[in-house]
């Protein structure tokens, strides 16, 4: 549970009980985060969304220090970030993309994506370790989150085994088989992007994907 006391919950906290799914709660929370309301209110709604999406994750907020503690109940890992970093992650395009898929909590727990969504190296190794045991839809969701974390202007959709890649959600850049995308992400060129010493940009990532789509 959050360290916010019961008598300090937001006046509109009942919204969390009235919405039908975490996607609705997320977009309501975004309006709160973008408002001039107290940080405690903003945290309360962000924590409810994240806990709904991943019941194994709990957050606590030290408002005086502006620090958020992140506890993973299953792994017993404890992390920390600033309140502003939490806001940045919560409002990011990768987070919005994940929310819009409206996966079940069970799917999200399997993907282990929440909390690591901005850490593309952790996501990369999650793909390497878990994708083979996932169905295509879940594996694609994890790969999509990885690539969108590396290239925030890129969005992707999977339609009957075909992956379409867009720039800024509008300009279609390329399309190819999901199996080719999987081979790409597991291949040496993509590994070099993630773990290599050189910085990469969106063109580098798209260039590696295009090699596999055209092969």
N, C-alpha and C. Protein backbone atom coordinates (compact mmCIF):
# COMPACT_ATOMS: atom_id res chain seq x y z
N UNK A 1 0.83 -1.20 0.00
CA UNK A 1 0.00 0.00 0.00
C UNK A 1 0.87 1.25 0.00
N UNK A 2 0.32 2.32 -0.49
CA UNK A 2 1.00 3.60 -0.45
C UNK A 2 1.08 4.11 0.98
N UNK A 3 2.06 4.98 1.24
CA UNK A 3 2.18 5.57 2.55
C UNK A 3 1.18 6.70 2.76
N UNK A 4 0.40 7.03 1.72
CA UNK A 4 -0.64 8.04 1.89
C UNK A 4 -1.65 7.54 2.92
N UNK A 5 -1.96 8.34 3.91
CA UNK A 5 -2.89 7.93 4.94
C UNK A 5 -4.32 7.89 4.41
N UNK A 6 -5.16 7.04 5.04
CA UNK A 6 -6.54 6.87 4.58
C UNK A 6 -7.28 8.20 4.58
N UNK A 7 -7.03 9.03 5.59
CA UNK A 7 -7.78 10.29 5.65
C UNK A 7 -7.22 11.34 4.69
N UNK A 8 -6.19 10.97 3.94
CA UNK A 8 -5.62 11.90 2.98
C UNK A 8 -5.86 11.45 1.54
N UNK A 9 -6.76 10.51 1.33
CA UNK A 9 -7.03 10.08 -0.04
C UNK A 9 -7.71 11.21 -0.79
N UNK A 10 -7.55 11.25 -2.12
CA UNK A 10 -8.18 12.31 -2.90
C UNK A 10 -9.70 12.29 -2.76
N UNK A 11 -10.32 13.44 -2.92
CA UNK A 11 -11.77 13.54 -2.77
C UNK A 11 -12.50 12.74 -3.85
N UNK A 12 -11.82 12.50 -4.97
CA UNK A 12 -12.43 11.74 -6.07
C UNK A 12 -11.88 10.31 -6.14
N UNK A 13 -11.41 9.80 -5.01
CA UNK A 13 -10.82 8.46 -4.99
C UNK A 13 -11.80 7.38 -5.42
N UNK A 14 -13.09 7.63 -5.27
CA UNK A 14 -14.09 6.62 -5.66
C UNK A 14 -14.05 6.31 -7.15
N UNK A 15 -13.43 7.17 -7.94
CA UNK A 15 -13.28 6.91 -9.37
C UNK A 15 -12.59 5.57 -9.60
N UNK A 16 -11.64 5.24 -8.72
CA UNK A 16 -10.88 4.00 -8.87
C UNK A 16 -11.79 2.77 -8.75
N UNK A 17 -12.92 2.92 -8.09
CA UNK A 17 -13.87 1.82 -7.94
C UNK A 17 -14.93 1.81 -9.02
N UNK A 18 -15.12 2.93 -9.66
CA UNK A 18 -16.21 3.06 -10.62
C UNK A 18 -15.82 2.75 -12.05
N UNK A 19 -14.54 2.88 -12.39
CA UNK A 19 -14.12 2.63 -13.78
C UNK A 19 -14.17 1.14 -14.08
N UNK A 20 -14.24 0.81 -15.36
CA UNK A 20 -14.37 -0.58 -15.78
C UNK A 20 -13.04 -1.30 -15.94
N UNK A 21 -11.96 -0.57 -16.19
CA UNK A 21 -10.66 -1.20 -16.42
C UNK A 21 -9.55 -0.20 -16.13
N UNK A 22 -8.33 -0.70 -16.07
CA UNK A 22 -7.22 0.19 -15.71
C UNK A 22 -6.94 1.22 -16.79
N UNK A 23 -7.35 0.96 -18.04
CA UNK A 23 -7.14 1.96 -19.09
C UNK A 23 -7.94 3.23 -18.77
N UNK A 24 -9.19 3.06 -18.35
CA UNK A 24 -10.00 4.22 -17.98
C UNK A 24 -9.38 4.95 -16.80
N UNK A 25 -8.91 4.19 -15.81
CA UNK A 25 -8.31 4.82 -14.64
C UNK A 25 -7.02 5.53 -15.02
N UNK A 26 -6.24 4.94 -15.93
CA UNK A 26 -4.99 5.57 -16.35
C UNK A 26 -5.24 6.95 -16.95
N UNK A 27 -6.20 7.04 -17.86
CA UNK A 27 -6.42 8.33 -18.52
C UNK A 27 -7.04 9.35 -17.56
N UNK A 28 -7.80 8.88 -16.58
CA UNK A 28 -8.26 9.82 -15.56
C UNK A 28 -7.06 10.28 -14.73
N UNK A 29 -6.18 9.35 -14.38
CA UNK A 29 -4.99 9.70 -13.60
C UNK A 29 -4.12 10.70 -14.35
N UNK A 30 -4.04 10.57 -15.67
CA UNK A 30 -3.25 11.51 -16.46
C UNK A 30 -3.76 12.94 -16.30
N UNK A 31 -5.09 13.11 -16.24
CA UNK A 31 -5.64 14.46 -16.06
C UNK A 31 -5.27 15.00 -14.68
N UNK A 32 -5.21 14.11 -13.70
CA UNK A 32 -4.81 14.54 -12.35
C UNK A 32 -3.34 14.94 -12.35
N UNK A 33 -2.49 14.11 -12.97
CA UNK A 33 -1.05 14.37 -13.00
C UNK A 33 -0.75 15.68 -13.72
N UNK A 34 -1.53 15.99 -14.75
CA UNK A 34 -1.29 17.22 -15.52
C UNK A 34 -1.88 18.45 -14.85
N UNK A 35 -2.63 18.26 -13.77
CA UNK A 35 -3.26 19.38 -13.08
C UNK A 35 -2.32 19.98 -12.03
N UNK A 36 -2.80 20.99 -11.33
CA UNK A 36 -2.00 21.60 -10.26
C UNK A 36 -2.37 21.05 -8.89
N UNK A 37 -2.95 19.86 -8.86
CA UNK A 37 -3.31 19.24 -7.59
C UNK A 37 -2.07 18.80 -6.82
N UNK A 38 -2.19 18.54 -5.53
CA UNK A 38 -1.02 18.13 -4.72
C UNK A 38 -0.38 16.85 -5.26
N UNK A 39 0.93 16.74 -5.04
CA UNK A 39 1.64 15.54 -5.49
C UNK A 39 1.10 14.28 -4.85
N UNK A 40 0.58 14.39 -3.63
CA UNK A 40 0.03 13.21 -2.95
C UNK A 40 -1.17 12.66 -3.73
N UNK A 41 -2.01 13.55 -4.28
CA UNK A 41 -3.14 13.11 -5.11
C UNK A 41 -2.64 12.44 -6.39
N UNK A 42 -1.65 13.05 -7.00
CA UNK A 42 -1.11 12.51 -8.24
C UNK A 42 -0.52 11.12 -8.00
N UNK A 43 0.24 11.00 -6.93
CA UNK A 43 0.83 9.70 -6.61
C UNK A 43 -0.25 8.66 -6.33
N UNK A 44 -1.28 9.05 -5.59
CA UNK A 44 -2.34 8.10 -5.22
C UNK A 44 -2.92 7.45 -6.46
N UNK A 45 -3.21 8.26 -7.48
CA UNK A 45 -3.82 7.70 -8.70
C UNK A 45 -2.81 6.90 -9.51
N UNK A 46 -1.57 7.37 -9.61
CA UNK A 46 -0.56 6.60 -10.35
C UNK A 46 -0.33 5.25 -9.69
N UNK A 47 -0.26 5.24 -8.36
CA UNK A 47 -0.04 3.99 -7.63
C UNK A 47 -1.19 3.03 -7.84
N UNK A 48 -2.43 3.52 -7.88
CA UNK A 48 -3.58 2.65 -8.10
C UNK A 48 -3.54 2.02 -9.49
N UNK A 49 -3.17 2.80 -10.50
CA UNK A 49 -3.08 2.26 -11.86
C UNK A 49 -2.01 1.18 -11.92
N UNK A 50 -0.83 1.48 -11.42
CA UNK A 50 0.29 0.55 -11.51
C UNK A 50 0.01 -0.72 -10.72
N UNK A 51 -0.60 -0.58 -9.54
CA UNK A 51 -0.92 -1.76 -8.73
C UNK A 51 -2.01 -2.61 -9.38
N UNK A 52 -2.91 -1.97 -10.11
CA UNK A 52 -3.95 -2.71 -10.84
C UNK A 52 -3.30 -3.50 -11.98
N UNK A 53 -2.38 -2.85 -12.69
CA UNK A 53 -1.72 -3.50 -13.82
C UNK A 53 -0.77 -4.60 -13.36
N UNK A 54 -0.15 -4.41 -12.22
CA UNK A 54 0.76 -5.43 -11.69
C UNK A 54 0.54 -5.56 -10.19
N UNK A 55 -0.31 -6.50 -9.78
CA UNK A 55 -0.63 -6.64 -8.36
C UNK A 55 0.57 -6.99 -7.49
N UNK A 56 1.68 -7.43 -8.10
CA UNK A 56 2.87 -7.78 -7.33
C UNK A 56 3.76 -6.58 -7.05
N UNK A 57 3.38 -5.41 -7.56
CA UNK A 57 4.20 -4.22 -7.37
C UNK A 57 3.49 -3.24 -6.45
N UNK A 58 4.20 -2.72 -5.47
CA UNK A 58 3.67 -1.72 -4.56
C UNK A 58 4.61 -0.51 -4.54
N UNK A 59 4.01 0.66 -4.41
CA UNK A 59 4.78 1.90 -4.38
C UNK A 59 4.47 2.65 -3.10
N UNK A 60 5.49 3.31 -2.56
CA UNK A 60 5.28 4.21 -1.43
C UNK A 60 5.98 5.53 -1.74
N UNK A 61 5.43 6.61 -1.20
CA UNK A 61 5.87 7.95 -1.57
C UNK A 61 6.27 8.72 -0.33
N UNK A 62 7.52 9.17 -0.31
CA UNK A 62 8.00 10.09 0.73
C UNK A 62 7.92 11.49 0.15
N UNK A 63 6.83 12.17 0.44
CA UNK A 63 6.60 13.48 -0.18
C UNK A 63 7.65 14.50 0.22
N UNK A 64 8.12 14.40 1.45
CA UNK A 64 9.10 15.38 1.93
C UNK A 64 10.40 15.31 1.13
N UNK A 65 10.82 14.07 0.79
CA UNK A 65 12.06 13.89 0.04
C UNK A 65 11.83 13.83 -1.48
N UNK A 66 10.55 13.72 -1.87
CA UNK A 66 10.24 13.59 -3.29
C UNK A 66 10.70 12.28 -3.89
N UNK A 67 10.73 11.22 -3.05
CA UNK A 67 11.22 9.90 -3.47
C UNK A 67 10.09 8.87 -3.50
N UNK A 68 10.16 7.97 -4.47
CA UNK A 68 9.20 6.88 -4.58
C UNK A 68 9.95 5.57 -4.44
N UNK A 69 9.48 4.72 -3.55
CA UNK A 69 10.06 3.39 -3.37
C UNK A 69 9.20 2.37 -4.09
N UNK A 70 9.83 1.49 -4.85
CA UNK A 70 9.13 0.50 -5.66
C UNK A 70 9.48 -0.88 -5.13
N UNK A 71 8.48 -1.62 -4.70
CA UNK A 71 8.71 -2.94 -4.12
C UNK A 71 8.09 -4.01 -5.00
N UNK A 72 8.89 -4.99 -5.42
CA UNK A 72 8.41 -6.14 -6.18
C UNK A 72 8.24 -7.29 -5.19
N UNK A 73 7.00 -7.65 -4.89
CA UNK A 73 6.75 -8.65 -3.87
C UNK A 73 7.30 -10.02 -4.22
N UNK A 74 7.27 -10.38 -5.50
CA UNK A 74 7.70 -11.72 -5.90
C UNK A 74 9.21 -11.87 -5.79
N UNK A 75 9.94 -10.93 -6.38
CA UNK A 75 11.40 -11.01 -6.38
C UNK A 75 12.02 -10.39 -5.13
N UNK A 76 11.20 -9.64 -4.38
CA UNK A 76 11.66 -8.92 -3.19
C UNK A 76 12.67 -7.83 -3.53
N UNK A 77 12.68 -7.43 -4.81
CA UNK A 77 13.54 -6.32 -5.20
C UNK A 77 12.93 -5.01 -4.73
N UNK A 78 13.78 -4.08 -4.36
CA UNK A 78 13.32 -2.75 -3.96
C UNK A 78 14.10 -1.73 -4.78
N UNK A 79 13.38 -0.87 -5.45
CA UNK A 79 14.01 0.18 -6.23
C UNK A 79 13.54 1.55 -5.77
N UNK A 80 14.16 2.58 -6.30
CA UNK A 80 13.81 3.93 -5.90
C UNK A 80 13.98 4.86 -7.09
N UNK A 81 13.09 5.82 -7.20
CA UNK A 81 13.22 6.86 -8.19
C UNK A 81 12.60 8.13 -7.63
N UNK A 82 12.86 9.24 -8.28
CA UNK A 82 12.26 10.49 -7.83
C UNK A 82 10.80 10.53 -8.27
N UNK A 83 10.03 11.38 -7.63
CA UNK A 83 8.64 11.55 -8.01
C UNK A 83 8.54 12.01 -9.46
N UNK A 84 9.42 12.92 -9.87
CA UNK A 84 9.38 13.43 -11.24
C UNK A 84 9.71 12.33 -12.26
N UNK A 85 10.59 11.40 -11.88
CA UNK A 85 10.90 10.28 -12.77
C UNK A 85 9.69 9.36 -12.91
N UNK A 86 8.97 9.15 -11.82
CA UNK A 86 7.76 8.35 -11.89
C UNK A 86 6.74 8.99 -12.82
N UNK A 87 6.57 10.29 -12.69
CA UNK A 87 5.64 11.02 -13.57
C UNK A 87 6.06 10.86 -15.03
N UNK A 88 7.37 11.02 -15.29
CA UNK A 88 7.86 10.88 -16.66
C UNK A 88 7.59 9.51 -17.23
N UNK A 89 7.82 8.47 -16.44
CA UNK A 89 7.54 7.11 -16.90
C UNK A 89 6.04 6.89 -17.10
N UNK A 90 5.25 7.38 -16.16
CA UNK A 90 3.81 7.17 -16.19
C UNK A 90 3.18 7.83 -17.42
N UNK A 91 3.68 8.99 -17.80
CA UNK A 91 3.11 9.74 -18.91
C UNK A 91 3.80 9.44 -20.24
N UNK A 92 4.73 8.51 -20.26
CA UNK A 92 5.52 8.26 -21.46
C UNK A 92 4.71 7.53 -22.54
N UNK A 93 5.20 7.61 -23.77
CA UNK A 93 4.56 6.91 -24.88
C UNK A 93 4.58 5.39 -24.70
N UNK A 94 5.71 4.80 -24.23
CA UNK A 94 5.68 3.35 -23.99
C UNK A 94 4.60 2.94 -22.99
N UNK A 95 4.41 3.74 -21.93
CA UNK A 95 3.39 3.42 -20.95
C UNK A 95 2.00 3.52 -21.59
N UNK A 96 1.77 4.58 -22.35
CA UNK A 96 0.47 4.75 -23.00
C UNK A 96 0.20 3.61 -23.97
N UNK A 97 1.24 3.19 -24.70
CA UNK A 97 1.08 2.09 -25.64
C UNK A 97 0.71 0.81 -24.91
N UNK A 98 1.36 0.56 -23.77
CA UNK A 98 1.06 -0.64 -22.99
C UNK A 98 -0.35 -0.59 -22.43
N UNK A 99 -0.76 0.55 -21.93
CA UNK A 99 -2.09 0.72 -21.36
C UNK A 99 -3.16 0.51 -22.42
N UNK A 100 -2.93 1.05 -23.60
CA UNK A 100 -3.93 0.96 -24.66
C UNK A 100 -4.19 -0.49 -25.10
N UNK A 101 -3.24 -1.38 -24.85
CA UNK A 101 -3.46 -2.80 -25.16
C UNK A 101 -4.46 -3.42 -24.19
N UNK A 102 -4.57 -2.82 -23.00
CA UNK A 102 -5.53 -3.27 -21.98
C UNK A 102 -5.41 -4.76 -21.69
N UNK A 103 -4.16 -5.23 -21.50
CA UNK A 103 -3.93 -6.62 -21.15
C UNK A 103 -4.50 -6.93 -19.77
N UNK A 104 -4.74 -8.21 -19.52
CA UNK A 104 -5.15 -8.62 -18.17
C UNK A 104 -3.96 -8.51 -17.23
N UNK A 105 -4.21 -8.37 -15.93
CA UNK A 105 -3.09 -8.34 -14.96
C UNK A 105 -2.21 -9.58 -15.07
N UNK A 106 -2.81 -10.73 -15.41
CA UNK A 106 -2.03 -11.94 -15.53
C UNK A 106 -1.02 -11.83 -16.67
N UNK A 107 -1.46 -11.29 -17.81
CA UNK A 107 -0.55 -11.12 -18.94
C UNK A 107 0.58 -10.15 -18.59
N UNK A 108 0.20 -9.06 -17.92
CA UNK A 108 1.20 -8.06 -17.57
C UNK A 108 2.20 -8.62 -16.57
N UNK A 109 1.73 -9.45 -15.66
CA UNK A 109 2.63 -10.05 -14.68
C UNK A 109 3.62 -10.97 -15.37
N UNK A 110 3.14 -11.73 -16.36
CA UNK A 110 4.04 -12.61 -17.11
C UNK A 110 5.09 -11.81 -17.84
N UNK A 111 4.68 -10.72 -18.45
CA UNK A 111 5.63 -9.92 -19.22
C UNK A 111 6.63 -9.19 -18.31
N UNK A 112 6.25 -9.00 -17.05
CA UNK A 112 7.13 -8.32 -16.09
C UNK A 112 7.62 -6.98 -16.64
N UNK A 113 6.71 -6.25 -17.30
CA UNK A 113 7.14 -5.04 -17.98
C UNK A 113 7.01 -3.79 -17.12
N UNK A 114 6.01 -3.73 -16.26
CA UNK A 114 5.82 -2.52 -15.48
C UNK A 114 6.99 -2.35 -14.51
N UNK A 115 7.46 -1.15 -14.42
CA UNK A 115 8.60 -0.87 -13.56
C UNK A 115 9.92 -0.96 -14.29
N UNK A 116 9.93 -1.75 -15.38
CA UNK A 116 11.13 -1.84 -16.18
C UNK A 116 10.92 -1.20 -17.56
N UNK A 117 9.79 -0.53 -17.73
CA UNK A 117 9.40 -0.13 -19.07
C UNK A 117 10.36 0.86 -19.70
N UNK A 118 11.07 1.65 -18.88
CA UNK A 118 12.00 2.59 -19.46
C UNK A 118 13.42 2.04 -19.49
N UNK A 119 13.62 0.83 -18.97
CA UNK A 119 14.93 0.21 -18.94
C UNK A 119 15.00 -0.80 -20.08
N UNK A 120 15.46 -0.34 -21.25
CA UNK A 120 15.38 -1.20 -22.42
C UNK A 120 16.30 -2.41 -22.31
N UNK A 121 17.39 -2.31 -21.55
CA UNK A 121 18.26 -3.47 -21.39
C UNK A 121 17.55 -4.58 -20.62
N UNK A 122 16.83 -4.22 -19.56
CA UNK A 122 16.08 -5.24 -18.82
C UNK A 122 15.00 -5.85 -19.69
N UNK A 123 14.34 -5.01 -20.50
CA UNK A 123 13.32 -5.52 -21.40
C UNK A 123 13.92 -6.45 -22.46
N UNK A 124 15.10 -6.08 -22.95
CA UNK A 124 15.77 -6.91 -23.95
C UNK A 124 16.05 -8.31 -23.40
N UNK A 125 16.58 -8.37 -22.19
CA UNK A 125 16.89 -9.68 -21.62
C UNK A 125 15.63 -10.43 -21.23
N UNK A 126 14.55 -9.70 -20.93
CA UNK A 126 13.27 -10.37 -20.70
C UNK A 126 12.78 -11.04 -21.99
N UNK A 127 12.96 -10.35 -23.12
CA UNK A 127 12.59 -10.93 -24.41
C UNK A 127 13.42 -12.18 -24.68
N UNK A 128 14.73 -12.08 -24.45
CA UNK A 128 15.63 -13.21 -24.70
C UNK A 128 15.23 -14.43 -23.86
N UNK A 129 14.83 -14.17 -22.61
CA UNK A 129 14.59 -15.26 -21.67
C UNK A 129 13.17 -15.82 -21.73
N UNK A 130 12.19 -14.96 -22.07
CA UNK A 130 10.80 -15.36 -21.90
C UNK A 130 10.00 -15.52 -23.19
N UNK A 131 10.45 -14.91 -24.28
CA UNK A 131 9.61 -14.85 -25.48
C UNK A 131 9.31 -16.23 -26.05
N UNK A 132 10.25 -17.16 -25.92
CA UNK A 132 10.04 -18.49 -26.51
C UNK A 132 8.88 -19.23 -25.86
N UNK A 133 8.58 -18.90 -24.60
CA UNK A 133 7.50 -19.59 -23.89
C UNK A 133 6.19 -18.83 -23.94
N UNK A 134 6.15 -17.70 -24.65
CA UNK A 134 4.95 -16.88 -24.74
C UNK A 134 4.19 -17.15 -26.04
N UNK A 135 2.91 -16.85 -26.03
CA UNK A 135 2.16 -16.83 -27.29
C UNK A 135 2.62 -15.61 -28.09
N UNK A 136 2.32 -15.58 -29.39
CA UNK A 136 2.80 -14.49 -30.24
C UNK A 136 2.33 -13.13 -29.76
N UNK A 137 1.07 -13.03 -29.30
CA UNK A 137 0.54 -11.73 -28.88
C UNK A 137 1.31 -11.18 -27.69
N UNK A 138 1.60 -12.05 -26.71
CA UNK A 138 2.32 -11.59 -25.52
C UNK A 138 3.77 -11.29 -25.84
N UNK A 139 4.39 -12.12 -26.68
CA UNK A 139 5.77 -11.88 -27.08
C UNK A 139 5.87 -10.56 -27.85
N UNK A 140 4.90 -10.31 -28.74
CA UNK A 140 4.90 -9.06 -29.49
C UNK A 140 4.76 -7.86 -28.56
N UNK A 141 3.88 -7.96 -27.56
CA UNK A 141 3.68 -6.85 -26.63
C UNK A 141 4.98 -6.51 -25.91
N UNK A 142 5.75 -7.53 -25.55
CA UNK A 142 7.01 -7.29 -24.86
C UNK A 142 8.05 -6.69 -25.81
N UNK A 143 8.10 -7.21 -27.04
CA UNK A 143 9.04 -6.67 -28.04
C UNK A 143 8.66 -5.24 -28.41
N UNK A 144 7.36 -5.00 -28.55
CA UNK A 144 6.89 -3.64 -28.85
C UNK A 144 7.33 -2.68 -27.77
N UNK A 145 7.18 -3.09 -26.51
CA UNK A 145 7.58 -2.22 -25.41
C UNK A 145 9.08 -1.95 -25.44
N UNK A 146 9.85 -2.98 -25.76
CA UNK A 146 11.30 -2.83 -25.89
C UNK A 146 11.66 -1.80 -26.95
N UNK A 147 11.11 -1.99 -28.15
CA UNK A 147 11.48 -1.10 -29.26
C UNK A 147 10.96 0.31 -29.04
N UNK A 148 9.75 0.44 -28.48
CA UNK A 148 9.22 1.77 -28.20
C UNK A 148 10.01 2.46 -27.09
N UNK A 149 10.62 1.70 -26.18
CA UNK A 149 11.47 2.29 -25.16
C UNK A 149 12.78 2.79 -25.75
N UNK A 150 13.25 2.09 -26.78
CA UNK A 150 14.48 2.50 -27.46
C UNK A 150 14.23 3.65 -28.44
N UNK A 151 13.02 3.68 -29.02
CA UNK A 151 12.67 4.68 -30.04
C UNK A 151 11.27 5.19 -29.74
N UNK A 152 11.17 6.27 -29.00
CA UNK A 152 9.87 6.70 -28.50
C UNK A 152 8.96 7.28 -29.58
N UNK A 153 9.49 7.52 -30.77
CA UNK A 153 8.65 8.02 -31.87
C UNK A 153 8.06 6.88 -32.69
N UNK A 154 8.40 5.64 -32.36
CA UNK A 154 7.98 4.48 -33.14
C UNK A 154 6.81 3.78 -32.46
N UNK A 155 5.81 3.38 -33.25
CA UNK A 155 4.72 2.54 -32.77
C UNK A 155 4.59 1.34 -33.70
N UNK A 156 3.97 0.26 -33.18
CA UNK A 156 3.89 -0.98 -33.93
C UNK A 156 2.54 -1.63 -33.70
N UNK A 157 2.07 -2.39 -34.69
CA UNK A 157 0.88 -3.21 -34.51
C UNK A 157 1.16 -4.60 -35.09
N UNK A 158 0.49 -5.59 -34.54
CA UNK A 158 0.57 -6.96 -35.05
C UNK A 158 -0.81 -7.35 -35.57
N UNK A 159 -0.88 -7.74 -36.84
CA UNK A 159 -2.15 -8.10 -37.46
C UNK A 159 -1.97 -9.41 -38.23
N UNK A 160 -2.50 -10.50 -37.65
CA UNK A 160 -2.47 -11.82 -38.29
C UNK A 160 -1.06 -12.21 -38.73
N UNK A 161 -0.11 -12.03 -37.83
CA UNK A 161 1.26 -12.46 -38.10
C UNK A 161 2.13 -11.44 -38.80
N UNK A 162 1.54 -10.31 -39.21
CA UNK A 162 2.30 -9.24 -39.87
C UNK A 162 2.49 -8.06 -38.92
N UNK A 163 3.72 -7.59 -38.83
CA UNK A 163 4.04 -6.43 -37.99
C UNK A 163 4.15 -5.19 -38.88
N UNK A 164 3.43 -4.14 -38.51
CA UNK A 164 3.54 -2.86 -39.20
C UNK A 164 4.16 -1.85 -38.26
N UNK A 165 5.11 -1.09 -38.74
CA UNK A 165 5.86 -0.13 -37.93
C UNK A 165 5.59 1.28 -38.44
N UNK A 166 5.26 2.18 -37.52
CA UNK A 166 4.90 3.55 -37.86
C UNK A 166 5.80 4.54 -37.14
N UNK A 167 5.95 5.71 -37.72
CA UNK A 167 6.64 6.82 -37.09
C UNK A 167 5.61 7.83 -36.63
N UNK A 168 5.64 8.17 -35.35
CA UNK A 168 4.70 9.13 -34.76
C UNK A 168 3.24 8.71 -34.99
N UNK A 169 3.01 7.40 -35.00
CA UNK A 169 1.67 6.80 -35.09
C UNK A 169 0.98 7.04 -36.43
N UNK A 170 1.63 7.71 -37.38
CA UNK A 170 0.96 8.07 -38.63
C UNK A 170 1.68 7.55 -39.87
N UNK A 171 2.98 7.77 -39.95
CA UNK A 171 3.74 7.44 -41.14
C UNK A 171 4.17 5.97 -41.10
N UNK A 172 3.63 5.17 -42.01
CA UNK A 172 3.99 3.75 -42.07
C UNK A 172 5.37 3.62 -42.70
N UNK A 173 6.28 3.00 -41.95
CA UNK A 173 7.65 2.88 -42.40
C UNK A 173 7.93 1.56 -43.09
N UNK A 174 7.44 0.46 -42.53
CA UNK A 174 7.74 -0.86 -43.08
C UNK A 174 6.80 -1.90 -42.48
N UNK A 175 6.81 -3.07 -43.06
CA UNK A 175 6.02 -4.18 -42.55
C UNK A 175 6.76 -5.48 -42.82
N UNK A 176 6.53 -6.47 -41.97
CA UNK A 176 7.19 -7.75 -42.14
C UNK A 176 6.57 -8.80 -41.25
N UNK A 177 7.03 -10.03 -41.38
CA UNK A 177 6.50 -11.12 -40.57
C UNK A 177 6.96 -11.00 -39.13
N UNK A 178 6.07 -11.38 -38.21
CA UNK A 178 6.44 -11.36 -36.79
C UNK A 178 7.64 -12.26 -36.52
N UNK A 179 7.71 -13.40 -37.22
CA UNK A 179 8.84 -14.31 -37.02
C UNK A 179 10.16 -13.64 -37.39
N UNK A 180 10.14 -12.76 -38.40
CA UNK A 180 11.35 -12.04 -38.78
C UNK A 180 11.73 -11.01 -37.72
N UNK A 181 10.72 -10.35 -37.15
CA UNK A 181 11.00 -9.40 -36.08
C UNK A 181 11.60 -10.11 -34.88
N UNK A 182 11.05 -11.26 -34.53
CA UNK A 182 11.59 -12.04 -33.42
C UNK A 182 13.04 -12.43 -33.69
N UNK A 183 13.30 -12.90 -34.91
CA UNK A 183 14.67 -13.28 -35.28
C UNK A 183 15.60 -12.09 -35.18
N UNK A 184 15.11 -10.92 -35.58
CA UNK A 184 15.90 -9.69 -35.52
C UNK A 184 16.28 -9.36 -34.08
N UNK A 185 15.29 -9.33 -33.20
CA UNK A 185 15.54 -8.93 -31.82
C UNK A 185 16.47 -9.92 -31.12
N UNK A 186 16.41 -11.19 -31.50
CA UNK A 186 17.26 -12.20 -30.89
C UNK A 186 18.61 -12.32 -31.60
N UNK A 187 18.79 -11.55 -32.67
CA UNK A 187 20.01 -11.67 -33.48
C UNK A 187 21.16 -10.82 -32.99
N UNK A 188 22.35 -11.02 -33.59
CA UNK A 188 23.57 -10.33 -33.12
C UNK A 188 23.55 -8.82 -33.34
N UNK A 189 22.91 -8.38 -34.43
CA UNK A 189 22.90 -6.93 -34.70
C UNK A 189 22.13 -6.17 -33.62
N UNK A 190 21.00 -6.74 -33.20
CA UNK A 190 20.20 -6.07 -32.18
C UNK A 190 20.92 -6.12 -30.83
N UNK A 191 21.58 -7.25 -30.55
CA UNK A 191 22.37 -7.35 -29.32
C UNK A 191 23.43 -6.25 -29.29
N UNK A 192 24.06 -6.00 -30.41
CA UNK A 192 25.09 -4.97 -30.46
C UNK A 192 24.52 -3.59 -30.18
N UNK A 193 23.29 -3.33 -30.65
CA UNK A 193 22.66 -2.05 -30.34
C UNK A 193 22.44 -1.89 -28.84
N UNK A 194 21.93 -2.95 -28.21
CA UNK A 194 21.55 -2.87 -26.79
C UNK A 194 22.78 -2.85 -25.88
N UNK A 195 23.73 -3.72 -26.15
CA UNK A 195 24.85 -3.90 -25.24
C UNK A 195 26.17 -3.34 -25.77
N UNK A 196 26.15 -2.78 -26.96
CA UNK A 196 27.37 -2.22 -27.52
C UNK A 196 27.77 -0.92 -26.85
N UNK A 197 28.97 -0.48 -27.12
CA UNK A 197 29.49 0.73 -26.48
C UNK A 197 29.06 2.01 -27.19
N UNK A 198 28.61 1.89 -28.43
CA UNK A 198 28.23 3.07 -29.19
C UNK A 198 26.77 3.43 -28.91
N UNK A 199 26.48 4.75 -28.89
CA UNK A 199 25.11 5.21 -28.78
C UNK A 199 24.36 4.88 -30.08
N UNK A 200 23.05 4.67 -29.96
CA UNK A 200 22.25 4.39 -31.15
C UNK A 200 21.11 5.40 -31.21
N UNK A 201 20.51 5.52 -32.39
CA UNK A 201 19.34 6.37 -32.54
C UNK A 201 18.24 5.56 -33.24
N UNK A 202 17.12 6.20 -33.49
CA UNK A 202 15.97 5.52 -34.11
C UNK A 202 16.33 4.91 -35.45
N UNK A 203 17.11 5.62 -36.27
CA UNK A 203 17.49 5.12 -37.58
C UNK A 203 18.31 3.84 -37.48
N UNK A 204 19.16 3.76 -36.44
CA UNK A 204 19.96 2.55 -36.26
C UNK A 204 19.06 1.34 -35.97
N UNK A 205 18.10 1.53 -35.08
CA UNK A 205 17.20 0.44 -34.71
C UNK A 205 16.35 0.02 -35.91
N UNK A 206 15.78 1.00 -36.60
CA UNK A 206 14.95 0.69 -37.76
C UNK A 206 15.77 0.03 -38.87
N UNK A 207 17.02 0.44 -39.01
CA UNK A 207 17.88 -0.14 -40.03
C UNK A 207 18.13 -1.62 -39.80
N UNK A 208 18.32 -2.01 -38.54
CA UNK A 208 18.52 -3.42 -38.21
C UNK A 208 17.25 -4.21 -38.49
N UNK A 209 16.11 -3.67 -38.10
CA UNK A 209 14.83 -4.36 -38.36
C UNK A 209 14.61 -4.53 -39.86
N UNK A 210 14.91 -3.49 -40.62
CA UNK A 210 14.69 -3.53 -42.07
C UNK A 210 15.53 -4.63 -42.72
N UNK A 211 16.72 -4.87 -42.21
CA UNK A 211 17.57 -5.94 -42.75
C UNK A 211 16.85 -7.28 -42.69
N UNK A 212 16.18 -7.55 -41.59
CA UNK A 212 15.50 -8.83 -41.40
C UNK A 212 14.18 -8.88 -42.16
N UNK A 213 13.50 -7.76 -42.26
CA UNK A 213 12.25 -7.73 -43.01
C UNK A 213 12.49 -7.95 -44.51
N UNK A 214 13.65 -7.54 -44.99
CA UNK A 214 13.94 -7.65 -46.42
C UNK A 214 14.64 -8.93 -46.78
N UNK A 215 15.10 -9.68 -45.76
CA UNK A 215 15.87 -10.91 -46.06
C UNK A 215 14.95 -12.04 -46.55
